[in-house]
Amino acid sequence: MYSTLRPAGPARPSAAEANEAIRHLVETRVDDEWPSEAYEFLLEEWAAASRTDVAEVAAAQ
């Protein structure tokens, strides 16, 4: 019998979800203060998701 493995950590967001989070962060910032740490984190998440999307498309062809 097969058993399904559970992910070790939380799933990464899709590129679209990460992009939406970046937009929300930029649109809701306070006092014109740039949230650099949060932006960098979300940008890294977006980049990782984008690489995964590209790899999946390439593998399907």
PDB file of N, CA and C in Angstrom:
ATOM      1  N   MET A   1       0.838  -1.178   0.000  1.00  0.00           N
ATOM      2  CA  MET A   1       0.000   0.000   0.000  1.00  0.00           C
ATOM      3  C   MET A   1       0.883   1.240   0.000  1.00  0.00           C
ATOM      4  N   TYR A   2       0.460   2.237  -0.728  1.00  0.00           N
ATOM      5  CA  TYR A   2       1.204   3.478  -0.822  1.00  0.00           C
ATOM      6  C   TYR A   2       0.741   4.468   0.235  1.00  0.00           C
ATOM      7  N   SER A   3       1.669   5.225   0.732  1.00  0.00           N
ATOM      8  CA  SER A   3       1.293   6.306   1.653  1.00  0.00           C
ATOM      9  C   SER A   3       1.760   7.632   1.046  1.00  0.00           C
ATOM     10  N   THR A   4       1.004   8.660   1.288  1.00  0.00           N
ATOM     11  CA  THR A   4       1.330   9.976   0.756  1.00  0.00           C
ATOM     12  C   THR A   4       2.210  10.711   1.748  1.00  0.00           C
ATOM     13  N   LEU A   5       3.291  11.272   1.247  1.00  0.00           N
ATOM     14  CA  LEU A   5       4.172  12.046   2.110  1.00  0.00           C
ATOM     15  C   LEU A   5       3.604  13.438   2.297  1.00  0.00           C
ATOM     16  N   ARG A   6       3.719  13.949   3.491  1.00  0.00           N
ATOM     17  CA  ARG A   6       3.280  15.301   3.778  1.00  0.00           C
ATOM     18  C   ARG A   6       4.441  16.260   3.558  1.00  0.00           C
ATOM     19  N   PRO A   7       4.149  17.458   3.069  1.00  0.00           N
ATOM     20  CA  PRO A   7       5.219  18.451   2.900  1.00  0.00           C
ATOM     21  C   PRO A   7       5.867  18.787   4.241  1.00  0.00           C
ATOM     22  N   ALA A   8       7.155  19.061   4.198  1.00  0.00           N
ATOM     23  CA  ALA A   8       7.883  19.376   5.428  1.00  0.00           C
ATOM     24  C   ALA A   8       7.552  20.761   5.961  1.00  0.00           C
ATOM     25  N   GLY A   9       7.144  21.660   5.105  1.00  0.00           N
ATOM     26  CA  GLY A   9       6.849  23.034   5.517  1.00  0.00           C
ATOM     27  C   GLY A   9       5.662  23.561   4.748  1.00  0.00           C
ATOM     28  N   PRO A  10       5.361  24.815   4.956  1.00  0.00           N
ATOM     29  CA  PRO A  10       4.222  25.391   4.230  1.00  0.00           C
ATOM     30  C   PRO A  10       4.506  25.486   2.739  1.00  0.00           C
ATOM     31  N   ALA A  11       3.459  25.370   1.960  1.00  0.00           N
ATOM     32  CA  ALA A  11       3.604  25.459   0.506  1.00  0.00           C
ATOM     33  C   ALA A  11       3.934  26.889   0.103  1.00  0.00           C
ATOM     34  N   ARG A  12       4.714  27.011  -0.933  1.00  0.00           N
ATOM     35  CA  ARG A  12       5.032  28.343  -1.465  1.00  0.00           C
ATOM     36  C   ARG A  12       3.844  28.859  -2.245  1.00  0.00           C
ATOM     37  N   PRO A  13       3.686  30.174  -2.280  1.00  0.00           N
ATOM     38  CA  PRO A  13       2.590  30.743  -3.074  1.00  0.00           C
ATOM     39  C   PRO A  13       2.896  30.627  -4.565  1.00  0.00           C
ATOM     40  N   SER A  14       1.860  30.687  -5.359  1.00  0.00           N
ATOM     41  CA  SER A  14       2.064  30.724  -6.807  1.00  0.00           C
ATOM     42  C   SER A  14       2.647  32.088  -7.169  1.00  0.00           C
ATOM     43  N   ALA A  15       3.128  32.210  -8.396  1.00  0.00           N
ATOM     44  CA  ALA A  15       3.670  33.495  -8.836  1.00  0.00           C
ATOM     45  C   ALA A  15       2.585  34.569  -8.790  1.00  0.00           C
ATOM     46  N   ALA A  16       1.363  34.212  -9.162  1.00  0.00           N
ATOM     47  CA  ALA A  16       0.264  35.184  -9.139  1.00  0.00           C
ATOM     48  C   ALA A  16      -0.060  35.616  -7.708  1.00  0.00           C
ATOM     49  N   GLU A  17      -0.040  34.672  -6.770  1.00  0.00           N
ATOM     50  CA  GLU A  17      -0.307  35.012  -5.366  1.00  0.00           C
ATOM     51  C   GLU A  17       0.784  35.910  -4.795  1.00  0.00           C
ATOM     52  N   ALA A  18       2.027  35.581  -5.095  1.00  0.00           N
ATOM     53  CA  ALA A  18       3.140  36.410  -4.616  1.00  0.00           C
ATOM     54  C   ALA A  18       3.074  37.800  -5.230  1.00  0.00           C
ATOM     55  N   ASN A  19       2.732  37.881  -6.507  1.00  0.00           N
ATOM     56  CA  ASN A  19       2.611  39.167  -7.180  1.00  0.00           C
ATOM     57  C   ASN A  19       1.506  39.998  -6.531  1.00  0.00           C
ATOM     58  N   GLU A  20       0.384  39.376  -6.219  1.00  0.00           N
ATOM     59  CA  GLU A  20      -0.714  40.090  -5.564  1.00  0.00           C
ATOM     60  C   GLU A  20      -0.286  40.590  -4.179  1.00  0.00           C
ATOM     61  N   ALA A  21       0.477  39.779  -3.450  1.00  0.00           N
ATOM     62  CA  ALA A  21       0.966  40.201  -2.135  1.00  0.00           C
ATOM     63  C   ALA A  21       1.919  41.390  -2.254  1.00  0.00           C
ATOM     64  N   ILE A  22       2.756  41.393  -3.287  1.00  0.00           N
ATOM     65  CA  ILE A  22       3.665  42.518  -3.522  1.00  0.00           C
ATOM     66  C   ILE A  22       2.855  43.780  -3.815  1.00  0.00           C
ATOM     67  N   ARG A  23       1.861  43.658  -4.679  1.00  0.00           N
ATOM     68  CA  ARG A  23       1.016  44.817  -5.006  1.00  0.00           C
ATOM     69  C   ARG A  23       0.335  45.365  -3.751  1.00  0.00           C
ATOM     70  N   HIS A  24      -0.191  44.462  -2.931  1.00  0.00           N
ATOM     71  CA  HIS A  24      -0.865  44.883  -1.703  1.00  0.00           C
ATOM     72  C   HIS A  24       0.111  45.602  -0.765  1.00  0.00           C
ATOM     73  N   LEU A  25       1.303  45.053  -0.637  1.00  0.00           N
ATOM     74  CA  LEU A  25       2.318  45.659   0.220  1.00  0.00           C
ATOM     75  C   LEU A  25       2.643  47.079  -0.242  1.00  0.00           C
ATOM     76  N   VAL A  26       2.835  47.243  -1.542  1.00  0.00           N
ATOM     77  CA  VAL A  26       3.194  48.550  -2.088  1.00  0.00           C
ATOM     78  C   VAL A  26       2.037  49.543  -1.948  1.00  0.00           C
ATOM     79  N   GLU A  27       0.821  49.084  -2.193  1.00  0.00           N
ATOM     80  CA  GLU A  27      -0.336  49.970  -2.159  1.00  0.00           C
ATOM     81  C   GLU A  27      -0.746  50.377  -0.749  1.00  0.00           C
ATOM     82  N   THR A  28      -0.399  49.578   0.252  1.00  0.00           N
ATOM     83  CA  THR A  28      -0.864  49.858   1.617  1.00  0.00           C
ATOM     84  C   THR A  28       0.238  50.318   2.563  1.00  0.00           C
ATOM     85  N   ARG A  29       1.387  50.671   2.024  1.00  0.00           N
ATOM     86  CA  ARG A  29       2.471  51.125   2.910  1.00  0.00           C
ATOM     87  C   ARG A  29       2.074  52.423   3.615  1.00  0.00           C
ATOM     88  N   VAL A  30       2.653  52.640   4.767  1.00  0.00           N
ATOM     89  CA  VAL A  30       2.301  53.771   5.615  1.00  0.00           C
ATOM     90  C   VAL A  30       3.451  54.776   5.655  1.00  0.00           C
ATOM     91  N   ASP A  31       3.116  56.036   5.671  1.00  0.00           N
ATOM     92  CA  ASP A  31       4.106  57.112   5.828  1.00  0.00           C
ATOM     93  C   ASP A  31       5.206  57.097   4.775  1.00  0.00           C
ATOM     94  N   ASP A  32       4.895  56.635   3.594  1.00  0.00           N
ATOM     95  CA  ASP A  32       5.878  56.556   2.512  1.00  0.00           C
ATOM     96  C   ASP A  32       7.152  55.815   2.911  1.00  0.00           C
ATOM     97  N   GLU A  33       7.041  54.949   3.895  1.00  0.00           N
ATOM     98  CA  GLU A  33       8.186  54.150   4.336  1.00  0.00           C
ATOM     99  C   GLU A  33       8.233  52.876   3.495  1.00  0.00           C
ATOM    100  N   TRP A  34       9.392  52.580   2.916  1.00  0.00           N
ATOM    101  CA  TRP A  34       9.522  51.413   2.053  1.00  0.00           C
ATOM    102  C   TRP A  34       9.810  50.171   2.900  1.00  0.00           C
ATOM    103  N   PRO A  35       8.934  49.145   2.822  1.00  0.00           N
ATOM    104  CA  PRO A  35       9.104  47.909   3.610  1.00  0.00           C
ATOM    105  C   PRO A  35      10.089  46.955   2.929  1.00  0.00           C
ATOM    106  N   SER A  36      11.356  47.290   2.967  1.00  0.00           N
ATOM    107  CA  SER A  36      12.349  46.563   2.167  1.00  0.00           C
ATOM    108  C   SER A  36      12.450  45.079   2.509  1.00  0.00           C
ATOM    109  N   GLU A  37      12.423  44.720   3.784  1.00  0.00           N
ATOM    110  CA  GLU A  37      12.560  43.306   4.148  1.00  0.00           C
ATOM    111  C   GLU A  37      11.372  42.490   3.642  1.00  0.00           C
ATOM    112  N   ALA A  38      10.179  42.998   3.835  1.00  0.00           N
ATOM    113  CA  ALA A  38       8.981  42.296   3.369  1.00  0.00           C
ATOM    114  C   ALA A  38       8.975  42.209   1.848  1.00  0.00           C
ATOM    115  N   TYR A  39       9.368  43.299   1.191  1.00  0.00           N
ATOM    116  CA  TYR A  39       9.406  43.318  -0.276  1.00  0.00           C
ATOM    117  C   TYR A  39      10.413  42.288  -0.793  1.00  0.00           C
ATOM    118  N   GLU A  40      11.597  42.238  -0.206  1.00  0.00           N
ATOM    119  CA  GLU A  40      12.614  41.270  -0.634  1.00  0.00           C
ATOM    120  C   GLU A  40      12.124  39.839  -0.456  1.00  0.00           C
ATOM    121  N   PHE A  41      11.479  39.559   0.682  1.00  0.00           N
ATOM    122  CA  PHE A  41      10.955  38.217   0.933  1.00  0.00           C
ATOM    123  C   PHE A  41       9.928  37.837  -0.131  1.00  0.00           C
ATOM    124  N   LEU A  42       8.976  38.737  -0.390  1.00  0.00           N
ATOM    125  CA  LEU A  42       7.938  38.445  -1.377  1.00  0.00           C
ATOM    126  C   LEU A  42       8.521  38.330  -2.781  1.00  0.00           C
ATOM    127  N   LEU A  43       9.510  39.142  -3.086  1.00  0.00           N
ATOM    128  CA  LEU A  43      10.154  39.069  -4.393  1.00  0.00           C
ATOM    129  C   LEU A  43      10.854  37.720  -4.580  1.00  0.00           C
ATOM    130  N   GLU A  44      11.496  37.223  -3.538  1.00  0.00           N
ATOM    131  CA  GLU A  44      12.130  35.904  -3.606  1.00  0.00           C
ATOM    132  C   GLU A  44      11.086  34.804  -3.800  1.00  0.00           C
ATOM    133  N   GLU A  45       9.950  34.923  -3.113  1.00  0.00           N
ATOM    134  CA  GLU A  45       8.869  33.950  -3.272  1.00  0.00           C
ATOM    135  C   GLU A  45       8.345  33.982  -4.709  1.00  0.00           C
ATOM    136  N   TRP A  46       8.164  35.191  -5.252  1.00  0.00           N
ATOM    137  CA  TRP A  46       7.688  35.330  -6.623  1.00  0.00           C
ATOM    138  C   TRP A  46       8.678  34.712  -7.610  1.00  0.00           C
ATOM    139  N   ALA A  47       9.964  34.982  -7.411  1.00  0.00           N
ATOM    140  CA  ALA A  47      10.994  34.454  -8.311  1.00  0.00           C
ATOM    141  C   ALA A  47      11.023  32.925  -8.278  1.00  0.00           C
ATOM    142  N   ALA A  48      10.928  32.347  -7.090  1.00  0.00           N
ATOM    143  CA  ALA A  48      10.929  30.890  -6.968  1.00  0.00           C
ATOM    144  C   ALA A  48       9.703  30.296  -7.659  1.00  0.00           C
ATOM    145  N   ALA A  49       8.546  30.920  -7.459  1.00  0.00           N
ATOM    146  CA  ALA A  49       7.323  30.429  -8.095  1.00  0.00           C
ATOM    147  C   ALA A  49       7.399  30.579  -9.610  1.00  0.00           C
ATOM    148  N   SER A  50       7.996  31.660 -10.080  1.00  0.00           N
ATOM    149  CA  SER A  50       8.132  31.877 -11.520  1.00  0.00           C
ATOM    150  C   SER A  50       9.040  30.820 -12.140  1.00  0.00           C
ATOM    151  N   ARG A  51      10.131  30.499 -11.451  1.00  0.00           N
ATOM    152  CA  ARG A  51      11.033  29.451 -11.957  1.00  0.00           C
ATOM    153  C   ARG A  51      10.306  28.119 -12.026  1.00  0.00           C
ATOM    154  N   THR A  52       9.491  27.818 -11.020  1.00  0.00           N
ATOM    155  CA  THR A  52       8.733  26.569 -11.004  1.00  0.00           C
ATOM    156  C   THR A  52       7.743  26.542 -12.157  1.00  0.00           C
ATOM    157  N   ASP A  53       7.050  27.658 -12.390  1.00  0.00           N
ATOM    158  CA  ASP A  53       6.092  27.739 -13.496  1.00  0.00           C
ATOM    159  C   ASP A  53       6.783  27.498 -14.830  1.00  0.00           C
ATOM    160  N   VAL A  54       7.931  28.116 -15.042  1.00  0.00           N
ATOM    161  CA  VAL A  54       8.668  27.962 -16.299  1.00  0.00           C
ATOM    162  C   VAL A  54       9.139  26.523 -16.458  1.00  0.00           C
ATOM    163  N   ALA A  55       9.625  25.920 -15.395  1.00  0.00           N
ATOM    164  CA  ALA A  55      10.104  24.540 -15.460  1.00  0.00           C
ATOM    165  C   ALA A  55       8.955  23.581 -15.782  1.00  0.00           C
ATOM    166  N   GLU A  56       7.786  23.829 -15.222  1.00  0.00           N
ATOM    167  CA  GLU A  56       6.630  22.973 -15.486  1.00  0.00           C
ATOM    168  C   GLU A  56       6.187  23.087 -16.944  1.00  0.00           C
ATOM    169  N   VAL A  57       6.200  24.300 -17.485  1.00  0.00           N
ATOM    170  CA  VAL A  57       5.825  24.500 -18.887  1.00  0.00           C
ATOM    171  C   VAL A  57       6.839  23.825 -19.801  1.00  0.00           C
ATOM    172  N   ALA A  58       8.111  23.973 -19.491  1.00  0.00           N
ATOM    173  CA  ALA A  58       9.167  23.357 -20.316  1.00  0.00           C
ATOM    174  C   ALA A  58       9.067  21.835 -20.288  1.00  0.00           C
ATOM    175  N   ALA A  59       8.750  21.272 -19.119  1.00  0.00           N
ATOM    176  CA  ALA A  59       8.659  19.824 -18.985  1.00  0.00           C
ATOM    177  C   ALA A  59       7.444  19.274 -19.741  1.00  0.00           C
ATOM    178  N   ALA A  60       6.414  20.079 -19.876  1.00  0.00           N
ATOM    179  CA  ALA A  60       5.195  19.635 -20.546  1.00  0.00           C
ATOM    180  C   ALA A  60       5.338  19.632 -22.070  1.00  0.00           C
ATOM    181  N   GLN A  61       6.362  20.271 -22.581  1.00  0.00           N
ATOM    182  CA  GLN A  61       6.504  20.355 -24.048  1.00  0.00           C
ATOM    183  C   GLN A  61       7.325  19.258 -24.606  1.00  0.00           C
TER     184      GLN A  61
END
